[in-house]
Amino acid sequence: MGTLEPLLAGLVFWLAGPSTLALHFTLILVSSLALLAVYGLGVELKDHRLGLLAALYWALPPLFLTFDGLYATGGHLEAVTSGAVVLYGVCRLAFRPPRRERPFALLIGLAAGLGWWCSLLVAPFLLACALGLLLARPRLLRGWRPWIMLAGYLLGSAPFWWWNLTHDFMTFQAIE
């Protein structure tokens, strides 16, 4: 599990001072990004009404998830958020590409890399996104796009790879 959550909390502590409110603020920021990604995904799939419905559904979870969302959990919220951002980005790239595709593709890769660093549980999700992009628009995976997304992924997941390189790939030994 990556240390993105405490790094974000540390940044907020540095800016606003350490407090319980500051710690919860980092969770609110990450949750808000997930909410925006889910809304964007609904808009991409149909329209703004579906986006609002999806965002409302995301914002009002079952009771046990409400409690779980109040605590720092070591990367799960960040992994879910990065997954939602990657899924939104892949849908947008496949069906309604932005004018500036290169920075957008880099951000998709960066979100995928951060998700990988936060939790390896995001791996099947990333594979499904890549497969979906391949099936939806195979031509997008020719040329520069996959290389830019790979560069973003490597940048986002660099702490994961660095730690494993300097610690005899302990993550993979633990999985074994």
N, C-alpha and C. Protein backbone atom coordinates (compact mmCIF):
# COMPACT_ATOMS: atom_id res chain seq x y z
N MET A 1 0.84 -1.17 0.00
CA MET A 1 0.00 0.00 0.00
C MET A 1 0.89 1.24 0.00
N GLY A 2 0.64 2.12 -0.93
CA GLY A 2 1.42 3.33 -1.01
C GLY A 2 1.11 4.30 0.11
N THR A 3 1.92 5.30 0.21
CA THR A 3 1.78 6.27 1.29
C THR A 3 1.21 7.59 0.79
N LEU A 4 0.36 7.55 -0.20
CA LEU A 4 -0.22 8.78 -0.73
C LEU A 4 -1.10 9.48 0.31
N GLU A 5 -1.88 8.70 1.04
CA GLU A 5 -2.78 9.29 2.05
C GLU A 5 -2.01 10.09 3.10
N PRO A 6 -0.95 9.53 3.73
CA PRO A 6 -0.22 10.35 4.70
C PRO A 6 0.55 11.50 4.06
N LEU A 7 0.97 11.34 2.80
CA LEU A 7 1.64 12.47 2.13
C LEU A 7 0.67 13.62 1.92
N LEU A 8 -0.55 13.31 1.50
CA LEU A 8 -1.56 14.37 1.35
C LEU A 8 -1.89 15.00 2.70
N ALA A 9 -2.02 14.16 3.72
CA ALA A 9 -2.30 14.69 5.06
C ALA A 9 -1.15 15.57 5.54
N GLY A 10 0.07 15.14 5.28
CA GLY A 10 1.24 15.94 5.66
C GLY A 10 1.26 17.28 4.95
N LEU A 11 0.88 17.30 3.68
CA LEU A 11 0.82 18.56 2.95
C LEU A 11 -0.23 19.49 3.55
N VAL A 12 -1.40 18.94 3.87
CA VAL A 12 -2.46 19.77 4.48
C VAL A 12 -2.02 20.21 5.88
N PHE A 13 -1.36 19.34 6.64
CA PHE A 13 -0.85 19.72 7.96
C PHE A 13 0.16 20.86 7.84
N TRP A 14 1.00 20.77 6.84
CA TRP A 14 2.02 21.80 6.63
C TRP A 14 1.36 23.14 6.29
N LEU A 15 0.28 23.09 5.48
CA LEU A 15 -0.41 24.32 5.08
C LEU A 15 -1.31 24.88 6.19
N ALA A 16 -2.02 23.99 6.90
CA ALA A 16 -3.04 24.46 7.84
C ALA A 16 -2.76 24.11 9.29
N GLY A 17 -1.73 23.32 9.54
CA GLY A 17 -1.45 22.88 10.90
C GLY A 17 -2.13 21.55 11.18
N PRO A 18 -1.52 20.75 12.05
CA PRO A 18 -2.09 19.43 12.32
C PRO A 18 -3.36 19.53 13.17
N SER A 19 -4.38 18.83 12.70
CA SER A 19 -5.64 18.76 13.44
C SER A 19 -6.48 17.63 12.84
N THR A 20 -7.49 17.23 13.57
CA THR A 20 -8.40 16.21 13.06
C THR A 20 -9.13 16.73 11.83
N LEU A 21 -9.49 18.00 11.86
CA LEU A 21 -10.17 18.61 10.72
C LEU A 21 -9.27 18.56 9.48
N ALA A 22 -7.99 18.85 9.64
CA ALA A 22 -7.06 18.80 8.50
C ALA A 22 -6.94 17.38 7.96
N LEU A 23 -6.92 16.39 8.85
CA LEU A 23 -6.84 15.00 8.41
C LEU A 23 -8.09 14.63 7.62
N HIS A 24 -9.25 15.03 8.11
CA HIS A 24 -10.49 14.74 7.39
C HIS A 24 -10.56 15.52 6.08
N PHE A 25 -9.93 16.68 6.02
CA PHE A 25 -9.93 17.47 4.80
C PHE A 25 -9.28 16.71 3.65
N THR A 26 -8.21 15.96 3.93
CA THR A 26 -7.57 15.17 2.87
C THR A 26 -8.53 14.11 2.35
N LEU A 27 -9.28 13.49 3.25
CA LEU A 27 -10.27 12.49 2.82
C LEU A 27 -11.37 13.14 2.00
N ILE A 28 -11.76 14.35 2.39
CA ILE A 28 -12.79 15.07 1.65
C ILE A 28 -12.29 15.42 0.25
N LEU A 29 -11.04 15.84 0.14
CA LEU A 29 -10.48 16.17 -1.18
C LEU A 29 -10.47 14.95 -2.09
N VAL A 30 -9.98 13.83 -1.60
CA VAL A 30 -9.90 12.62 -2.42
C VAL A 30 -11.31 12.13 -2.76
N SER A 31 -12.22 12.17 -1.79
CA SER A 31 -13.60 11.75 -2.05
C SER A 31 -14.27 12.66 -3.07
N SER A 32 -13.99 13.94 -3.01
CA SER A 32 -14.57 14.89 -3.97
C SER A 32 -14.07 14.61 -5.38
N LEU A 33 -12.80 14.27 -5.51
CA LEU A 33 -12.27 13.91 -6.82
C LEU A 33 -12.97 12.66 -7.35
N ALA A 34 -13.19 11.68 -6.49
CA ALA A 34 -13.92 10.47 -6.90
C ALA A 34 -15.34 10.83 -7.32
N LEU A 35 -15.98 11.70 -6.57
CA LEU A 35 -17.34 12.13 -6.88
C LEU A 35 -17.40 12.80 -8.25
N LEU A 36 -16.44 13.66 -8.54
CA LEU A 36 -16.39 14.31 -9.85
C LEU A 36 -16.16 13.30 -10.97
N ALA A 37 -15.30 12.32 -10.72
CA ALA A 37 -15.03 11.30 -11.74
C ALA A 37 -16.27 10.46 -12.01
N VAL A 38 -17.01 10.11 -10.95
CA VAL A 38 -18.24 9.32 -11.13
C VAL A 38 -19.29 10.15 -11.86
N TYR A 39 -19.40 11.43 -11.52
CA TYR A 39 -20.31 12.32 -12.23
C TYR A 39 -19.92 12.38 -13.71
N GLY A 40 -18.64 12.60 -13.99
CA GLY A 40 -18.17 12.67 -15.37
C GLY A 40 -18.42 11.38 -16.14
N LEU A 41 -18.28 10.27 -15.46
CA LEU A 41 -18.54 8.99 -16.10
C LEU A 41 -20.02 8.87 -16.49
N GLY A 42 -20.91 9.29 -15.60
CA GLY A 42 -22.34 9.28 -15.92
C GLY A 42 -22.67 10.18 -17.10
N VAL A 43 -22.01 11.34 -17.15
CA VAL A 43 -22.22 12.26 -18.27
C VAL A 43 -21.73 11.63 -19.57
N GLU A 44 -20.57 10.98 -19.51
CA GLU A 44 -20.03 10.33 -20.71
C GLU A 44 -20.92 9.20 -21.20
N LEU A 45 -21.52 8.47 -20.26
CA LEU A 45 -22.35 7.34 -20.65
C LEU A 45 -23.70 7.77 -21.21
N LYS A 46 -24.29 8.85 -20.64
CA LYS A 46 -25.60 9.26 -21.14
C LYS A 46 -25.76 10.77 -21.15
N ASP A 47 -25.95 11.38 -19.96
CA ASP A 47 -26.18 12.82 -19.90
C ASP A 47 -25.96 13.32 -18.47
N HIS A 48 -26.23 14.61 -18.25
CA HIS A 48 -25.99 15.21 -16.94
C HIS A 48 -26.90 14.61 -15.85
N ARG A 49 -28.10 14.20 -16.23
CA ARG A 49 -29.00 13.60 -15.24
C ARG A 49 -28.43 12.29 -14.71
N LEU A 50 -27.89 11.45 -15.60
CA LEU A 50 -27.28 10.21 -15.15
C LEU A 50 -26.03 10.51 -14.32
N GLY A 51 -25.28 11.54 -14.71
CA GLY A 51 -24.12 11.95 -13.93
C GLY A 51 -24.50 12.35 -12.52
N LEU A 52 -25.57 13.13 -12.38
CA LEU A 52 -26.04 13.54 -11.05
C LEU A 52 -26.54 12.34 -10.25
N LEU A 53 -27.25 11.44 -10.89
CA LEU A 53 -27.74 10.24 -10.21
C LEU A 53 -26.57 9.38 -9.73
N ALA A 54 -25.56 9.20 -10.59
CA ALA A 54 -24.39 8.41 -10.19
C ALA A 54 -23.65 9.09 -9.05
N ALA A 55 -23.49 10.41 -9.12
CA ALA A 55 -22.81 11.14 -8.05
C ALA A 55 -23.59 11.06 -6.74
N LEU A 56 -24.91 11.16 -6.82
CA LEU A 56 -25.74 11.04 -5.63
C LEU A 56 -25.61 9.65 -5.02
N TYR A 57 -25.64 8.64 -5.87
CA TYR A 57 -25.49 7.26 -5.40
C TYR A 57 -24.12 7.08 -4.74
N TRP A 58 -23.10 7.68 -5.31
CA TRP A 58 -21.75 7.59 -4.76
C TRP A 58 -21.66 8.35 -3.43
N ALA A 59 -22.33 9.49 -3.35
CA ALA A 59 -22.23 10.34 -2.16
C ALA A 59 -23.01 9.80 -0.98
N LEU A 60 -23.99 8.94 -1.22
CA LEU A 60 -24.83 8.40 -0.15
C LEU A 60 -24.64 6.88 -0.06
N PRO A 61 -23.51 6.46 0.48
CA PRO A 61 -23.22 5.03 0.53
C PRO A 61 -24.01 4.34 1.66
N PRO A 62 -23.95 3.01 1.69
CA PRO A 62 -24.54 2.30 2.83
C PRO A 62 -23.86 2.72 4.13
N LEU A 63 -24.51 2.46 5.23
CA LEU A 63 -24.04 2.92 6.54
C LEU A 63 -22.62 2.46 6.85
N PHE A 64 -22.30 1.18 6.60
CA PHE A 64 -20.97 0.71 6.94
C PHE A 64 -19.88 1.41 6.13
N LEU A 65 -20.19 1.79 4.88
CA LEU A 65 -19.21 2.52 4.09
C LEU A 65 -19.09 3.96 4.56
N THR A 66 -20.14 4.51 5.12
CA THR A 66 -20.08 5.86 5.67
C THR A 66 -19.05 5.91 6.80
N PHE A 67 -19.08 4.93 7.69
CA PHE A 67 -18.10 4.89 8.77
C PHE A 67 -16.71 4.63 8.23
N ASP A 68 -16.60 3.74 7.28
CA ASP A 68 -15.30 3.42 6.70
C ASP A 68 -14.69 4.65 6.02
N GLY A 69 -15.53 5.50 5.44
CA GLY A 69 -15.04 6.69 4.77
C GLY A 69 -14.55 7.77 5.71
N LEU A 70 -14.78 7.61 7.00
CA LEU A 70 -14.35 8.62 7.97
C LEU A 70 -12.95 8.37 8.49
N TYR A 71 -12.37 7.23 8.16
CA TYR A 71 -11.08 6.86 8.73
C TYR A 71 -10.03 6.73 7.64
N ALA A 72 -8.82 7.06 8.01
CA ALA A 72 -7.69 6.82 7.11
C ALA A 72 -7.48 5.31 7.04
N THR A 73 -7.52 4.76 5.83
CA THR A 73 -7.49 3.31 5.68
C THR A 73 -6.28 2.80 4.92
N GLY A 74 -5.32 3.62 4.66
CA GLY A 74 -4.10 3.13 4.04
C GLY A 74 -4.18 2.88 2.56
N GLY A 75 -4.79 3.73 1.81
CA GLY A 75 -4.71 3.64 0.37
C GLY A 75 -5.96 3.17 -0.35
N HIS A 76 -6.95 2.68 0.36
CA HIS A 76 -8.13 2.16 -0.33
C HIS A 76 -8.91 3.27 -1.04
N LEU A 77 -9.16 4.36 -0.35
CA LEU A 77 -9.92 5.45 -0.96
C LEU A 77 -9.18 6.01 -2.18
N GLU A 78 -7.86 6.13 -2.07
CA GLU A 78 -7.07 6.64 -3.19
C GLU A 78 -7.10 5.67 -4.37
N ALA A 79 -7.07 4.38 -4.09
CA ALA A 79 -7.13 3.38 -5.17
C ALA A 79 -8.48 3.43 -5.87
N VAL A 80 -9.56 3.53 -5.10
CA VAL A 80 -10.90 3.61 -5.69
C VAL A 80 -11.03 4.89 -6.50
N THR A 81 -10.51 5.99 -5.96
CA THR A 81 -10.58 7.27 -6.67
C THR A 81 -9.79 7.22 -7.96
N SER A 82 -8.58 6.68 -7.90
CA SER A 82 -7.78 6.61 -9.13
C SER A 82 -8.47 5.71 -10.16
N GLY A 83 -9.09 4.63 -9.69
CA GLY A 83 -9.83 3.77 -10.61
C GLY A 83 -10.97 4.50 -11.30
N ALA A 84 -11.71 5.30 -10.53
CA ALA A 84 -12.81 6.07 -11.11
C ALA A 84 -12.28 7.11 -12.10
N VAL A 85 -11.17 7.75 -11.76
CA VAL A 85 -10.58 8.75 -12.66
C VAL A 85 -10.10 8.09 -13.95
N VAL A 86 -9.45 6.92 -13.83
CA VAL A 86 -8.96 6.22 -15.02
C VAL A 86 -10.14 5.78 -15.89
N LEU A 87 -11.18 5.25 -15.29
CA LEU A 87 -12.34 4.82 -16.06
C LEU A 87 -12.99 6.00 -16.78
N TYR A 88 -13.15 7.12 -16.07
CA TYR A 88 -13.69 8.31 -16.73
C TYR A 88 -12.78 8.75 -17.88
N GLY A 89 -11.48 8.79 -17.62
CA GLY A 89 -10.54 9.23 -18.65
C GLY A 89 -10.54 8.34 -19.87
N VAL A 90 -10.59 7.03 -19.66
CA VAL A 90 -10.60 6.10 -20.78
C VAL A 90 -11.89 6.26 -21.59
N CYS A 91 -13.02 6.41 -20.92
CA CYS A 91 -14.29 6.63 -21.63
C CYS A 91 -14.25 7.93 -22.42
N ARG A 92 -13.72 8.95 -21.81
CA ARG A 92 -13.63 10.25 -22.49
C ARG A 92 -12.69 10.17 -23.69
N LEU A 93 -11.55 9.53 -23.51
CA LEU A 93 -10.58 9.40 -24.60
C LEU A 93 -11.16 8.57 -25.74
N ALA A 94 -11.92 7.53 -25.41
CA ALA A 94 -12.46 6.65 -26.44
C ALA A 94 -13.62 7.27 -27.21
N PHE A 95 -14.50 8.01 -26.51
CA PHE A 95 -15.74 8.43 -27.16
C PHE A 95 -15.87 9.93 -27.41
N ARG A 96 -15.14 10.74 -26.65
CA ARG A 96 -15.23 12.19 -26.84
C ARG A 96 -13.88 12.81 -26.48
N PRO A 97 -12.87 12.55 -27.32
CA PRO A 97 -11.52 13.00 -26.97
C PRO A 97 -11.44 14.51 -26.79
N PRO A 98 -10.70 14.93 -25.76
CA PRO A 98 -10.51 16.38 -25.56
C PRO A 98 -9.59 16.94 -26.65
N ARG A 99 -9.58 18.25 -26.77
CA ARG A 99 -8.71 18.87 -27.78
C ARG A 99 -7.23 18.62 -27.49
N ARG A 100 -6.88 18.63 -26.22
CA ARG A 100 -5.48 18.41 -25.83
C ARG A 100 -5.35 16.98 -25.31
N GLU A 101 -5.21 16.05 -26.23
CA GLU A 101 -5.20 14.64 -25.87
C GLU A 101 -3.93 14.23 -25.12
N ARG A 102 -2.80 14.80 -25.47
CA ARG A 102 -1.54 14.36 -24.85
C ARG A 102 -1.51 14.59 -23.34
N PRO A 103 -1.81 15.81 -22.85
CA PRO A 103 -1.83 15.98 -21.39
C PRO A 103 -2.91 15.13 -20.73
N PHE A 104 -4.03 14.94 -21.42
CA PHE A 104 -5.11 14.13 -20.88
C PHE A 104 -4.66 12.67 -20.74
N ALA A 105 -4.01 12.14 -21.78
CA ALA A 105 -3.49 10.77 -21.73
C ALA A 105 -2.44 10.63 -20.63
N LEU A 106 -1.61 11.65 -20.45
CA LEU A 106 -0.61 11.62 -19.38
C LEU A 106 -1.29 11.57 -18.01
N LEU A 107 -2.37 12.33 -17.83
CA LEU A 107 -3.09 12.33 -16.56
C LEU A 107 -3.77 10.98 -16.30
N ILE A 108 -4.29 10.35 -17.35
CA ILE A 108 -4.87 9.01 -17.19
C ILE A 108 -3.80 8.05 -16.69
N GLY A 109 -2.64 8.08 -17.32
CA GLY A 109 -1.53 7.21 -16.89
C GLY A 109 -1.07 7.52 -15.49
N LEU A 110 -1.01 8.81 -15.14
CA LEU A 110 -0.60 9.22 -13.80
C LEU A 110 -1.60 8.70 -12.75
N ALA A 111 -2.88 8.82 -13.03
CA ALA A 111 -3.90 8.30 -12.11
C ALA A 111 -3.78 6.78 -11.97
N ALA A 112 -3.52 6.09 -13.07
CA ALA A 112 -3.35 4.63 -13.02
C ALA A 112 -2.13 4.27 -12.18
N GLY A 113 -1.04 5.00 -12.35
CA GLY A 113 0.17 4.74 -11.57
C GLY A 113 -0.02 5.00 -10.09
N LEU A 114 -0.70 6.10 -9.77
CA LEU A 114 -0.98 6.39 -8.35
C LEU A 114 -1.87 5.31 -7.74
N GLY A 115 -2.83 4.85 -8.53
CA GLY A 115 -3.69 3.76 -8.04
C GLY A 115 -2.90 2.49 -7.78
N TRP A 116 -1.98 2.17 -8.68
CA TRP A 116 -1.12 0.99 -8.51
C TRP A 116 -0.27 1.13 -7.26
N TRP A 117 0.26 2.33 -7.04
CA TRP A 117 1.10 2.57 -5.87
C TRP A 117 0.28 2.45 -4.58
N CYS A 118 -0.97 2.92 -4.61
CA CYS A 118 -1.80 2.88 -3.41
C CYS A 118 -2.26 1.48 -3.05
N SER A 119 -2.61 0.68 -4.04
CA SER A 119 -3.09 -0.67 -3.77
C SER A 119 -3.02 -1.51 -5.04
N LEU A 120 -2.43 -2.68 -4.92
CA LEU A 120 -2.36 -3.58 -6.07
C LEU A 120 -3.73 -4.13 -6.43
N LEU A 121 -4.72 -3.93 -5.57
CA LEU A 121 -6.08 -4.37 -5.87
C LEU A 121 -6.66 -3.63 -7.08
N VAL A 122 -6.01 -2.57 -7.51
CA VAL A 122 -6.48 -1.81 -8.66
C VAL A 122 -6.03 -2.46 -9.98
N ALA A 123 -5.14 -3.44 -9.93
CA ALA A 123 -4.59 -4.06 -11.13
C ALA A 123 -5.66 -4.64 -12.06
N PRO A 124 -6.60 -5.46 -11.58
CA PRO A 124 -7.63 -5.97 -12.50
C PRO A 124 -8.48 -4.86 -13.11
N PHE A 125 -8.71 -3.83 -12.34
CA PHE A 125 -9.49 -2.69 -12.84
C PHE A 125 -8.75 -1.99 -13.97
N LEU A 126 -7.45 -1.78 -13.80
CA LEU A 126 -6.65 -1.13 -14.85
C LEU A 126 -6.59 -2.00 -16.09
N LEU A 127 -6.48 -3.29 -15.90
CA LEU A 127 -6.48 -4.22 -17.03
C LEU A 127 -7.81 -4.15 -17.78
N ALA A 128 -8.92 -4.08 -17.04
CA ALA A 128 -10.24 -3.97 -17.66
C ALA A 128 -10.37 -2.65 -18.43
N CYS A 129 -9.82 -1.57 -17.90
CA CYS A 129 -9.87 -0.28 -18.60
C CYS A 129 -9.08 -0.35 -19.91
N ALA A 130 -7.90 -0.97 -19.86
CA ALA A 130 -7.08 -1.10 -21.07
C ALA A 130 -7.79 -1.98 -22.10
N LEU A 131 -8.39 -3.06 -21.64
CA LEU A 131 -9.12 -3.94 -22.54
C LEU A 131 -10.34 -3.23 -23.13
N GLY A 132 -11.05 -2.47 -22.31
CA GLY A 132 -12.19 -1.70 -22.80
C GLY A 132 -11.78 -0.69 -23.84
N LEU A 133 -10.68 -0.01 -23.62
CA LEU A 133 -10.18 0.96 -24.60
C LEU A 133 -9.79 0.25 -25.88
N LEU A 134 -9.17 -0.90 -25.76
CA LEU A 134 -8.77 -1.68 -26.94
C LEU A 134 -10.00 -2.11 -27.74
N LEU A 135 -11.05 -2.54 -27.06
CA LEU A 135 -12.25 -2.99 -27.76
C LEU A 135 -13.06 -1.82 -28.33
N ALA A 136 -13.10 -0.70 -27.61
CA ALA A 136 -13.90 0.45 -28.04
C ALA A 136 -13.24 1.19 -29.20
N ARG A 137 -11.97 1.44 -29.10
CA ARG A 137 -11.24 2.20 -30.12
C ARG A 137 -9.83 1.63 -30.28
N PRO A 138 -9.68 0.52 -30.99
CA PRO A 138 -8.35 -0.09 -31.12
C PRO A 138 -7.31 0.83 -31.75
N ARG A 139 -7.76 1.74 -32.61
CA ARG A 139 -6.80 2.64 -33.26
C ARG A 139 -6.12 3.59 -32.26
N LEU A 140 -6.79 3.84 -31.11
CA LEU A 140 -6.20 4.73 -30.11
C LEU A 140 -4.94 4.15 -29.49
N LEU A 141 -4.80 2.84 -29.55
CA LEU A 141 -3.64 2.22 -28.93
C LEU A 141 -2.46 2.09 -29.90
N ARG A 142 -2.62 2.67 -31.08
CA ARG A 142 -1.49 2.78 -32.01
C ARG A 142 -0.95 4.20 -31.91
N GLY A 143 0.31 4.37 -32.15
CA GLY A 143 0.87 5.70 -32.13
C GLY A 143 1.37 6.12 -30.76
N TRP A 144 1.20 7.39 -30.42
CA TRP A 144 1.80 7.98 -29.23
C TRP A 144 0.99 7.79 -27.96
N ARG A 145 -0.32 7.55 -28.03
CA ARG A 145 -1.16 7.51 -26.82
C ARG A 145 -0.71 6.49 -25.77
N PRO A 146 -0.49 5.23 -26.17
CA PRO A 146 -0.09 4.27 -25.12
C PRO A 146 1.24 4.62 -24.48
N TRP A 147 2.13 5.22 -25.22
CA TRP A 147 3.45 5.58 -24.68
C TRP A 147 3.32 6.72 -23.68
N ILE A 148 2.46 7.68 -23.96
CA ILE A 148 2.25 8.78 -23.02
C ILE A 148 1.55 8.27 -21.76
N MET A 149 0.55 7.38 -21.93
CA MET A 149 -0.11 6.82 -20.75
C MET A 149 0.87 5.97 -19.94
N LEU A 150 1.75 5.24 -20.62
CA LEU A 150 2.75 4.45 -19.92
C LEU A 150 3.72 5.36 -19.15
N ALA A 151 4.11 6.47 -19.75
CA ALA A 151 4.99 7.42 -19.06
C ALA A 151 4.31 7.97 -17.80
N GLY A 152 3.02 8.32 -17.91
CA GLY A 152 2.28 8.79 -16.74
C GLY A 152 2.17 7.71 -15.68
N TYR A 153 1.91 6.48 -16.11
CA TYR A 153 1.82 5.36 -15.17
C TYR A 153 3.14 5.17 -14.43
N LEU A 154 4.24 5.20 -15.17
CA LEU A 154 5.56 5.01 -14.53
C LEU A 154 5.86 6.16 -13.57
N LEU A 155 5.46 7.36 -13.93
CA LEU A 155 5.66 8.50 -13.04
C LEU A 155 4.82 8.34 -11.77
N GLY A 156 3.56 7.98 -11.92
CA GLY A 156 2.68 7.82 -10.77
C GLY A 156 3.06 6.65 -9.87
N SER A 157 3.55 5.58 -10.46
CA SER A 157 3.90 4.39 -9.69
C SER A 157 5.38 4.33 -9.34
N ALA A 158 6.14 5.37 -9.65
CA ALA A 158 7.59 5.38 -9.41
C ALA A 158 7.95 5.05 -7.96
N PRO A 159 7.25 5.60 -6.95
CA PRO A 159 7.62 5.23 -5.57
C PRO A 159 7.48 3.74 -5.30
N PHE A 160 6.45 3.12 -5.87
CA PHE A 160 6.26 1.68 -5.72
C PHE A 160 7.45 0.94 -6.31
N TRP A 161 7.83 1.25 -7.52
CA TRP A 161 8.93 0.53 -8.19
C TRP A 161 10.26 0.81 -7.51
N TRP A 162 10.48 2.06 -7.06
CA TRP A 162 11.73 2.39 -6.38
C TRP A 162 11.87 1.59 -5.08
N TRP A 163 10.81 1.55 -4.29
CA TRP A 163 10.86 0.81 -3.05
C TRP A 163 11.13 -0.66 -3.31
N ASN A 164 10.47 -1.23 -4.31
CA ASN A 164 10.68 -2.65 -4.61
C ASN A 164 12.07 -2.91 -5.16
N LEU A 165 12.60 -2.00 -5.95
CA LEU A 165 13.97 -2.17 -6.46
C LEU A 165 15.00 -2.15 -5.32
N THR A 166 14.75 -1.34 -4.32
CA THR A 166 15.70 -1.21 -3.21
C THR A 166 15.42 -2.17 -2.06
N HIS A 167 14.34 -2.97 -2.17
CA HIS A 167 13.98 -3.92 -1.11
C HIS A 167 13.71 -5.31 -1.66
N ASP A 168 14.47 -5.71 -2.66
CA ASP A 168 14.41 -7.07 -3.21
C ASP A 168 13.00 -7.49 -3.61
N PHE A 169 12.23 -6.56 -4.15
CA PHE A 169 10.88 -6.84 -4.64
C PHE A 169 10.03 -7.55 -3.59
N MET A 170 10.08 -7.03 -2.36
CA MET A 170 9.35 -7.62 -1.24
C MET A 170 7.84 -7.66 -1.46
N THR A 171 7.31 -6.69 -2.19
CA THR A 171 5.87 -6.70 -2.46
C THR A 171 5.46 -7.98 -3.16
N PHE A 172 6.23 -8.35 -4.17
CA PHE A 172 5.90 -9.52 -4.94
C PHE A 172 6.22 -10.81 -4.19
N GLN A 173 7.21 -10.75 -3.31
CA GLN A 173 7.50 -11.92 -2.46
C GLN A 173 6.36 -12.13 -1.47
N ALA A 174 5.79 -11.05 -0.97
CA ALA A 174 4.68 -11.15 -0.03
C ALA A 174 3.44 -11.74 -0.72
N ILE A 175 3.23 -11.38 -1.98
CA ILE A 175 2.09 -11.90 -2.73
C ILE A 175 2.26 -13.40 -2.99
N GLU A 176 3.51 -13.77 -3.23
CA GLU A 176 3.82 -15.17 -3.51
C GLU A 176 3.40 -16.03 -2.36
